[in-house]
Amino acid sequence: MKLYLNKLHDTEQLTKLLFFLRDIFPARLQEIVDLTADMSYGMTIELKPQKTNRSRPQENYYRKWAREFGKHVGLTPNELHEEILCIHFGSEEVDTPFGIKRRPIQRSNDSDRDEYTELIGTLIRVAAEMDFTIPEPRHDDA
C-alpha cells in the first residue's frame, strides 16, 4: 500500500508524521531531517509486510557450491545460477534481437529464508543427478 501526502494540502499530517517518526526512531533523526529538506512536493509512504530475507550464511553456502558445481559442468557461476533458477522457478522463452532466450520466471533476490532453503535443495538435487556431491548444509547455512 502506498500513501501520498502532498506538501500543500497535507502540511499538518506531514508535520505530525515527521514528529512521530522522530520520536519512534531517535537514532535516525539526521536521516529524517535530510528527508524533510528534500520534500518539495510531499512524501510517499510505502507499507508492506516485512520478509525474513535469506541469511548471509545461506547465500555464502549457495554461492560456494554453485561455483564448484559450475566448474564441474563447465559453466560460469552466473550461468549455473540462471540454470538453477530456471529449474527451480520455471522458465519462459523470450524473443530478443539475439534470438530466443530462456529466462527464469522468478529471481532469487526477494526470496525469504524458506524459499532460499528450497533453492539450495534444488542445487543439491541437480548436482546429485549429475554425479556431483554437495554436502548437506549445516543448520545455520540452510
N, C-alpha and C. Protein backbone atom coordinates (compact mmCIF):
# COMPACT_ATOMS: atom_id res chain seq x y z
N MET A 1 0.85 -1.17 0.00
CA MET A 1 0.00 0.00 0.00
C MET A 1 0.90 1.23 0.00
N LYS A 2 0.58 2.18 -0.87
CA LYS A 2 1.32 3.44 -0.92
C LYS A 2 0.40 4.57 -0.49
N LEU A 3 0.93 5.46 0.33
CA LEU A 3 0.20 6.64 0.77
C LEU A 3 0.95 7.87 0.27
N TYR A 4 0.21 8.82 -0.24
CA TYR A 4 0.81 10.04 -0.78
C TYR A 4 0.34 11.22 0.05
N LEU A 5 1.29 12.01 0.53
CA LEU A 5 0.97 13.22 1.27
C LEU A 5 1.52 14.41 0.49
N ASN A 6 0.65 15.32 0.11
CA ASN A 6 1.02 16.49 -0.67
C ASN A 6 1.39 17.61 0.29
N LYS A 7 2.54 18.24 0.05
CA LYS A 7 3.03 19.28 0.94
C LYS A 7 2.06 20.45 1.06
N LEU A 8 1.38 20.80 -0.02
CA LEU A 8 0.46 21.94 0.02
C LEU A 8 -0.84 21.60 0.77
N HIS A 9 -1.37 20.40 0.57
CA HIS A 9 -2.68 20.05 1.11
C HIS A 9 -2.61 19.30 2.44
N ASP A 10 -1.49 18.63 2.70
CA ASP A 10 -1.40 17.76 3.88
C ASP A 10 -0.31 18.21 4.85
N THR A 11 -0.07 19.50 4.96
CA THR A 11 1.02 20.02 5.78
C THR A 11 0.91 19.57 7.23
N GLU A 12 -0.28 19.64 7.80
CA GLU A 12 -0.46 19.27 9.21
C GLU A 12 -0.17 17.78 9.42
N GLN A 13 -0.66 16.93 8.52
CA GLN A 13 -0.41 15.49 8.63
C GLN A 13 1.08 15.17 8.45
N LEU A 14 1.72 15.84 7.50
CA LEU A 14 3.16 15.63 7.30
C LEU A 14 3.96 16.00 8.54
N THR A 15 3.62 17.12 9.14
CA THR A 15 4.32 17.57 10.34
C THR A 15 4.14 16.56 11.47
N LYS A 16 2.91 16.12 11.69
CA LYS A 16 2.65 15.12 12.73
C LYS A 16 3.41 13.83 12.47
N LEU A 17 3.43 13.40 11.22
CA LEU A 17 4.12 12.16 10.86
C LEU A 17 5.62 12.29 11.11
N LEU A 18 6.22 13.39 10.72
CA LEU A 18 7.65 13.58 10.92
C LEU A 18 8.01 13.62 12.40
N PHE A 19 7.19 14.27 13.23
CA PHE A 19 7.44 14.27 14.67
C PHE A 19 7.28 12.87 15.25
N PHE A 20 6.30 12.13 14.75
CA PHE A 20 6.09 10.75 15.18
C PHE A 20 7.32 9.90 14.84
N LEU A 21 7.81 10.02 13.60
CA LEU A 21 8.98 9.25 13.18
C LEU A 21 10.21 9.63 14.01
N ARG A 22 10.34 10.91 14.30
CA ARG A 22 11.45 11.36 15.14
C ARG A 22 11.40 10.70 16.51
N ASP A 23 10.20 10.60 17.09
CA ASP A 23 10.05 10.00 18.42
C ASP A 23 10.28 8.49 18.40
N ILE A 24 9.84 7.83 17.33
CA ILE A 24 9.98 6.38 17.23
C ILE A 24 11.41 5.97 16.89
N PHE A 25 12.09 6.76 16.04
CA PHE A 25 13.43 6.42 15.58
C PHE A 25 14.42 7.55 15.90
N PRO A 26 14.69 7.82 17.17
CA PRO A 26 15.57 8.94 17.52
C PRO A 26 16.99 8.79 16.94
N ALA A 27 17.46 7.59 16.77
CA ALA A 27 18.81 7.38 16.23
C ALA A 27 18.89 7.76 14.75
N ARG A 28 17.75 7.90 14.09
CA ARG A 28 17.74 8.23 12.66
C ARG A 28 17.28 9.66 12.41
N LEU A 29 17.42 10.49 13.42
CA LEU A 29 16.97 11.88 13.33
C LEU A 29 17.57 12.60 12.13
N GLN A 30 18.87 12.44 11.91
CA GLN A 30 19.52 13.15 10.80
C GLN A 30 18.93 12.73 9.46
N GLU A 31 18.63 11.44 9.29
CA GLU A 31 18.01 10.97 8.05
C GLU A 31 16.63 11.60 7.86
N ILE A 32 15.89 11.71 8.94
CA ILE A 32 14.54 12.30 8.88
C ILE A 32 14.64 13.78 8.51
N VAL A 33 15.62 14.48 9.09
CA VAL A 33 15.82 15.89 8.77
C VAL A 33 16.21 16.04 7.30
N ASP A 34 17.12 15.19 6.82
CA ASP A 34 17.54 15.23 5.42
C ASP A 34 16.37 14.95 4.48
N LEU A 35 15.54 13.99 4.85
CA LEU A 35 14.36 13.65 4.06
C LEU A 35 13.41 14.85 3.99
N THR A 36 13.23 15.51 5.11
CA THR A 36 12.34 16.67 5.17
C THR A 36 12.82 17.78 4.24
N ALA A 37 14.12 17.96 4.17
CA ALA A 37 14.68 19.02 3.33
C ALA A 37 14.44 18.74 1.84
N ASP A 38 14.24 17.46 1.50
CA ASP A 38 14.08 17.09 0.10
C ASP A 38 12.61 16.90 -0.30
N MET A 39 11.68 17.31 0.56
CA MET A 39 10.26 17.11 0.28
C MET A 39 9.63 18.36 -0.32
N SER A 40 10.05 18.71 -1.52
CA SER A 40 9.49 19.92 -2.12
C SER A 40 8.03 19.75 -2.53
N TYR A 41 7.61 18.51 -2.82
CA TYR A 41 6.22 18.26 -3.23
C TYR A 41 5.41 17.49 -2.20
N GLY A 42 6.06 16.77 -1.35
CA GLY A 42 5.36 15.95 -0.38
C GLY A 42 6.13 14.68 -0.11
N MET A 43 5.39 13.62 0.28
CA MET A 43 6.03 12.39 0.68
C MET A 43 5.20 11.20 0.21
N THR A 44 5.88 10.13 -0.13
CA THR A 44 5.24 8.85 -0.43
C THR A 44 5.67 7.87 0.65
N ILE A 45 4.71 7.21 1.25
CA ILE A 45 4.99 6.21 2.28
C ILE A 45 4.51 4.87 1.75
N GLU A 46 5.39 3.88 1.80
CA GLU A 46 5.03 2.55 1.35
C GLU A 46 4.99 1.61 2.55
N LEU A 47 3.88 0.93 2.71
CA LEU A 47 3.72 -0.04 3.78
C LEU A 47 3.61 -1.43 3.16
N LYS A 48 4.45 -2.35 3.64
CA LYS A 48 4.37 -3.72 3.14
C LYS A 48 4.88 -4.65 4.24
N PRO A 49 4.44 -5.89 4.20
CA PRO A 49 4.89 -6.83 5.23
C PRO A 49 6.40 -7.05 5.15
N GLN A 50 7.00 -7.18 6.29
CA GLN A 50 8.43 -7.43 6.33
C GLN A 50 8.69 -8.91 6.09
N LYS A 51 9.64 -9.20 5.20
CA LYS A 51 10.00 -10.57 4.91
C LYS A 51 11.29 -10.91 5.65
N THR A 52 11.42 -12.15 6.03
CA THR A 52 12.67 -12.61 6.61
C THR A 52 13.57 -13.00 5.44
N ASN A 53 14.48 -12.14 5.12
CA ASN A 53 15.35 -12.38 3.97
C ASN A 53 16.29 -13.53 4.24
N ARG A 54 16.84 -14.05 3.16
CA ARG A 54 17.82 -15.12 3.29
C ARG A 54 18.97 -14.62 4.14
N SER A 55 19.64 -15.56 4.78
CA SER A 55 20.74 -15.18 5.66
C SER A 55 22.04 -15.13 4.87
N ARG A 56 23.01 -14.45 5.41
CA ARG A 56 24.33 -14.38 4.78
C ARG A 56 24.96 -15.77 4.69
N PRO A 57 24.89 -16.62 5.76
CA PRO A 57 25.43 -17.97 5.62
C PRO A 57 24.75 -18.78 4.51
N GLN A 58 23.45 -18.62 4.35
CA GLN A 58 22.75 -19.31 3.26
C GLN A 58 23.33 -18.89 1.91
N GLU A 59 23.46 -17.59 1.71
CA GLU A 59 23.95 -17.10 0.43
C GLU A 59 25.39 -17.55 0.19
N ASN A 60 26.22 -17.49 1.23
CA ASN A 60 27.61 -17.94 1.08
C ASN A 60 27.68 -19.41 0.69
N TYR A 61 26.87 -20.23 1.35
CA TYR A 61 26.82 -21.67 1.05
C TYR A 61 26.41 -21.89 -0.40
N TYR A 62 25.32 -21.25 -0.81
CA TYR A 62 24.82 -21.41 -2.18
C TYR A 62 25.88 -20.98 -3.19
N ARG A 63 26.47 -19.82 -3.00
CA ARG A 63 27.44 -19.29 -3.95
C ARG A 63 28.67 -20.19 -4.04
N LYS A 64 29.16 -20.66 -2.89
CA LYS A 64 30.33 -21.53 -2.87
C LYS A 64 30.07 -22.80 -3.69
N TRP A 65 28.95 -23.46 -3.42
CA TRP A 65 28.69 -24.74 -4.07
C TRP A 65 28.20 -24.57 -5.51
N ALA A 66 27.56 -23.46 -5.80
CA ALA A 66 27.18 -23.19 -7.19
C ALA A 66 28.45 -22.97 -8.02
N ARG A 67 29.42 -22.29 -7.44
CA ARG A 67 30.68 -22.06 -8.14
C ARG A 67 31.41 -23.39 -8.39
N GLU A 68 31.48 -24.25 -7.36
CA GLU A 68 32.16 -25.55 -7.51
C GLU A 68 31.42 -26.45 -8.49
N PHE A 69 30.11 -26.50 -8.40
CA PHE A 69 29.32 -27.31 -9.31
C PHE A 69 29.43 -26.77 -10.73
N GLY A 70 29.47 -25.46 -10.86
CA GLY A 70 29.63 -24.83 -12.18
C GLY A 70 30.94 -25.26 -12.84
N LYS A 71 32.01 -25.31 -12.05
CA LYS A 71 33.29 -25.79 -12.59
C LYS A 71 33.14 -27.23 -13.10
N HIS A 72 32.42 -28.04 -12.34
CA HIS A 72 32.22 -29.45 -12.69
C HIS A 72 31.50 -29.61 -14.03
N VAL A 73 30.55 -28.74 -14.30
CA VAL A 73 29.76 -28.87 -15.54
C VAL A 73 30.17 -27.88 -16.63
N GLY A 74 31.20 -27.07 -16.37
CA GLY A 74 31.71 -26.17 -17.39
C GLY A 74 30.90 -24.90 -17.57
N LEU A 75 30.27 -24.41 -16.50
CA LEU A 75 29.51 -23.16 -16.56
C LEU A 75 30.12 -22.14 -15.61
N THR A 76 29.96 -20.86 -15.94
CA THR A 76 30.37 -19.81 -15.01
C THR A 76 29.38 -19.80 -13.85
N PRO A 77 29.74 -19.18 -12.73
CA PRO A 77 28.78 -19.11 -11.61
C PRO A 77 27.45 -18.46 -12.01
N ASN A 78 27.49 -17.42 -12.83
CA ASN A 78 26.24 -16.77 -13.26
C ASN A 78 25.42 -17.67 -14.17
N GLU A 79 26.08 -18.38 -15.07
CA GLU A 79 25.35 -19.30 -15.95
C GLU A 79 24.69 -20.40 -15.15
N LEU A 80 25.43 -20.95 -14.19
CA LEU A 80 24.84 -22.02 -13.37
C LEU A 80 23.68 -21.49 -12.55
N HIS A 81 23.83 -20.30 -11.98
CA HIS A 81 22.75 -19.71 -11.19
C HIS A 81 21.49 -19.55 -12.03
N GLU A 82 21.64 -19.07 -13.27
CA GLU A 82 20.49 -18.94 -14.17
C GLU A 82 19.82 -20.29 -14.41
N GLU A 83 20.63 -21.34 -14.61
CA GLU A 83 20.08 -22.68 -14.84
C GLU A 83 19.31 -23.17 -13.61
N ILE A 84 19.88 -22.98 -12.44
CA ILE A 84 19.21 -23.43 -11.21
C ILE A 84 17.91 -22.65 -11.02
N LEU A 85 17.93 -21.35 -11.28
CA LEU A 85 16.69 -20.56 -11.17
C LEU A 85 15.63 -21.07 -12.13
N CYS A 86 16.02 -21.38 -13.35
CA CYS A 86 15.06 -21.89 -14.35
C CYS A 86 14.48 -23.23 -13.91
N ILE A 87 15.32 -24.09 -13.37
CA ILE A 87 14.84 -25.40 -12.90
C ILE A 87 13.92 -25.22 -11.70
N HIS A 88 14.32 -24.36 -10.78
CA HIS A 88 13.57 -24.19 -9.52
C HIS A 88 12.25 -23.44 -9.72
N PHE A 89 12.30 -22.31 -10.40
CA PHE A 89 11.12 -21.45 -10.53
C PHE A 89 10.35 -21.65 -11.83
N GLY A 90 10.95 -22.37 -12.76
CA GLY A 90 10.37 -22.47 -14.09
C GLY A 90 10.96 -21.40 -14.98
N SER A 91 10.74 -21.54 -16.28
CA SER A 91 11.35 -20.59 -17.21
C SER A 91 10.35 -20.21 -18.30
N GLU A 92 10.71 -19.16 -19.01
CA GLU A 92 9.94 -18.72 -20.16
C GLU A 92 10.92 -18.41 -21.27
N GLU A 93 10.46 -18.53 -22.49
CA GLU A 93 11.30 -18.19 -23.63
C GLU A 93 10.90 -16.81 -24.13
N VAL A 94 11.90 -15.97 -24.33
CA VAL A 94 11.66 -14.59 -24.73
C VAL A 94 12.40 -14.34 -26.04
N ASP A 95 11.70 -13.76 -27.00
CA ASP A 95 12.32 -13.43 -28.28
C ASP A 95 13.05 -12.10 -28.14
N THR A 96 14.36 -12.12 -28.38
CA THR A 96 15.18 -10.92 -28.28
C THR A 96 15.88 -10.68 -29.61
N PRO A 97 16.52 -9.54 -29.79
CA PRO A 97 17.30 -9.32 -31.01
C PRO A 97 18.44 -10.34 -31.19
N PHE A 98 18.82 -11.01 -30.08
CA PHE A 98 19.87 -12.03 -30.13
C PHE A 98 19.30 -13.43 -30.32
N GLY A 99 18.03 -13.52 -30.55
CA GLY A 99 17.38 -14.82 -30.70
C GLY A 99 16.54 -15.14 -29.47
N ILE A 100 16.03 -16.35 -29.42
CA ILE A 100 15.18 -16.75 -28.30
C ILE A 100 16.07 -17.07 -27.10
N LYS A 101 15.74 -16.47 -25.96
CA LYS A 101 16.49 -16.68 -24.72
C LYS A 101 15.56 -17.28 -23.67
N ARG A 102 16.11 -18.21 -22.90
CA ARG A 102 15.37 -18.81 -21.79
C ARG A 102 15.70 -18.04 -20.52
N ARG A 103 14.64 -17.62 -19.82
CA ARG A 103 14.82 -16.83 -18.60
C ARG A 103 14.01 -17.43 -17.46
N PRO A 104 14.51 -17.33 -16.23
CA PRO A 104 13.71 -17.81 -15.10
C PRO A 104 12.49 -16.92 -14.90
N ILE A 105 11.41 -17.51 -14.45
CA ILE A 105 10.17 -16.76 -14.20
C ILE A 105 10.32 -15.86 -12.98
N GLN A 106 11.16 -16.28 -12.04
CA GLN A 106 11.34 -15.51 -10.81
C GLN A 106 12.82 -15.46 -10.47
N ARG A 107 13.24 -14.39 -9.84
CA ARG A 107 14.62 -14.23 -9.38
C ARG A 107 14.69 -14.63 -7.91
N SER A 108 15.89 -14.81 -7.40
CA SER A 108 16.06 -15.21 -6.01
C SER A 108 16.27 -14.04 -5.06
N ASN A 109 16.41 -12.83 -5.59
CA ASN A 109 16.76 -11.69 -4.74
C ASN A 109 15.71 -11.33 -3.69
N ASP A 110 14.46 -11.67 -3.92
CA ASP A 110 13.42 -11.38 -2.93
C ASP A 110 13.02 -12.60 -2.11
N SER A 111 13.80 -13.67 -2.22
CA SER A 111 13.45 -14.90 -1.51
C SER A 111 13.64 -14.74 -0.01
N ASP A 112 12.70 -15.31 0.75
CA ASP A 112 12.88 -15.33 2.20
C ASP A 112 13.71 -16.57 2.55
N ARG A 113 13.94 -16.78 3.84
CA ARG A 113 14.79 -17.90 4.28
C ARG A 113 14.30 -19.25 3.77
N ASP A 114 12.99 -19.47 3.89
CA ASP A 114 12.44 -20.77 3.49
C ASP A 114 12.56 -20.98 1.98
N GLU A 115 12.25 -19.95 1.20
CA GLU A 115 12.36 -20.07 -0.26
C GLU A 115 13.81 -20.30 -0.68
N TYR A 116 14.73 -19.63 0.00
CA TYR A 116 16.15 -19.80 -0.35
C TYR A 116 16.64 -21.19 0.05
N THR A 117 16.11 -21.73 1.16
CA THR A 117 16.42 -23.11 1.55
C THR A 117 15.98 -24.08 0.46
N GLU A 118 14.80 -23.83 -0.12
CA GLU A 118 14.31 -24.68 -1.21
C GLU A 118 15.21 -24.55 -2.44
N LEU A 119 15.70 -23.34 -2.73
CA LEU A 119 16.60 -23.14 -3.86
C LEU A 119 17.91 -23.92 -3.63
N ILE A 120 18.42 -23.90 -2.42
CA ILE A 120 19.61 -24.68 -2.07
C ILE A 120 19.33 -26.17 -2.29
N GLY A 121 18.14 -26.62 -1.88
CA GLY A 121 17.76 -28.01 -2.11
C GLY A 121 17.76 -28.37 -3.58
N THR A 122 17.30 -27.46 -4.43
CA THR A 122 17.32 -27.70 -5.87
C THR A 122 18.75 -27.82 -6.37
N LEU A 123 19.63 -26.95 -5.91
CA LEU A 123 21.04 -27.02 -6.29
C LEU A 123 21.63 -28.38 -5.91
N ILE A 124 21.38 -28.84 -4.69
CA ILE A 124 21.91 -30.12 -4.21
C ILE A 124 21.35 -31.27 -5.05
N ARG A 125 20.05 -31.25 -5.34
CA ARG A 125 19.41 -32.32 -6.11
C ARG A 125 19.95 -32.39 -7.54
N VAL A 126 20.03 -31.23 -8.19
CA VAL A 126 20.51 -31.20 -9.58
C VAL A 126 21.97 -31.66 -9.63
N ALA A 127 22.77 -31.22 -8.68
CA ALA A 127 24.17 -31.64 -8.64
C ALA A 127 24.27 -33.16 -8.47
N ALA A 128 23.46 -33.71 -7.58
CA ALA A 128 23.48 -35.16 -7.35
C ALA A 128 23.09 -35.92 -8.62
N GLU A 129 22.13 -35.39 -9.36
CA GLU A 129 21.70 -36.02 -10.62
C GLU A 129 22.83 -36.02 -11.66
N MET A 130 23.81 -35.13 -11.46
CA MET A 130 24.93 -35.03 -12.41
C MET A 130 26.23 -35.51 -11.77
N ASP A 131 26.09 -36.40 -10.77
CA ASP A 131 27.24 -37.03 -10.10
C ASP A 131 28.20 -36.05 -9.44
N PHE A 132 27.67 -35.00 -8.87
CA PHE A 132 28.48 -34.06 -8.10
C PHE A 132 27.86 -33.97 -6.72
N THR A 133 28.63 -34.26 -5.70
CA THR A 133 28.11 -34.29 -4.34
C THR A 133 28.34 -32.95 -3.65
N ILE A 134 27.26 -32.38 -3.17
CA ILE A 134 27.31 -31.17 -2.35
C ILE A 134 26.94 -31.59 -0.94
N PRO A 135 27.78 -31.29 0.06
CA PRO A 135 27.45 -31.69 1.42
C PRO A 135 26.18 -31.00 1.91
N GLU A 136 25.43 -31.69 2.74
CA GLU A 136 24.24 -31.09 3.32
C GLU A 136 24.63 -29.84 4.11
N PRO A 137 23.83 -28.81 4.02
CA PRO A 137 24.18 -27.58 4.76
C PRO A 137 24.05 -27.78 6.26
N ARG A 138 24.88 -27.05 6.99
CA ARG A 138 24.73 -27.02 8.45
C ARG A 138 23.47 -26.25 8.77
N HIS A 139 23.02 -26.33 9.99
CA HIS A 139 21.76 -25.70 10.38
C HIS A 139 21.74 -24.20 10.05
N ASP A 140 22.83 -23.48 10.29
CA ASP A 140 22.84 -22.04 10.02
C ASP A 140 23.04 -21.71 8.55
N ASP A 141 23.41 -22.70 7.70
CA ASP A 141 23.56 -22.48 6.27
C ASP A 141 22.24 -22.66 5.51
N ALA A 142 21.29 -23.34 6.12
CA ALA A 142 20.06 -23.68 5.38
C ALA A 142 18.90 -22.82 5.75
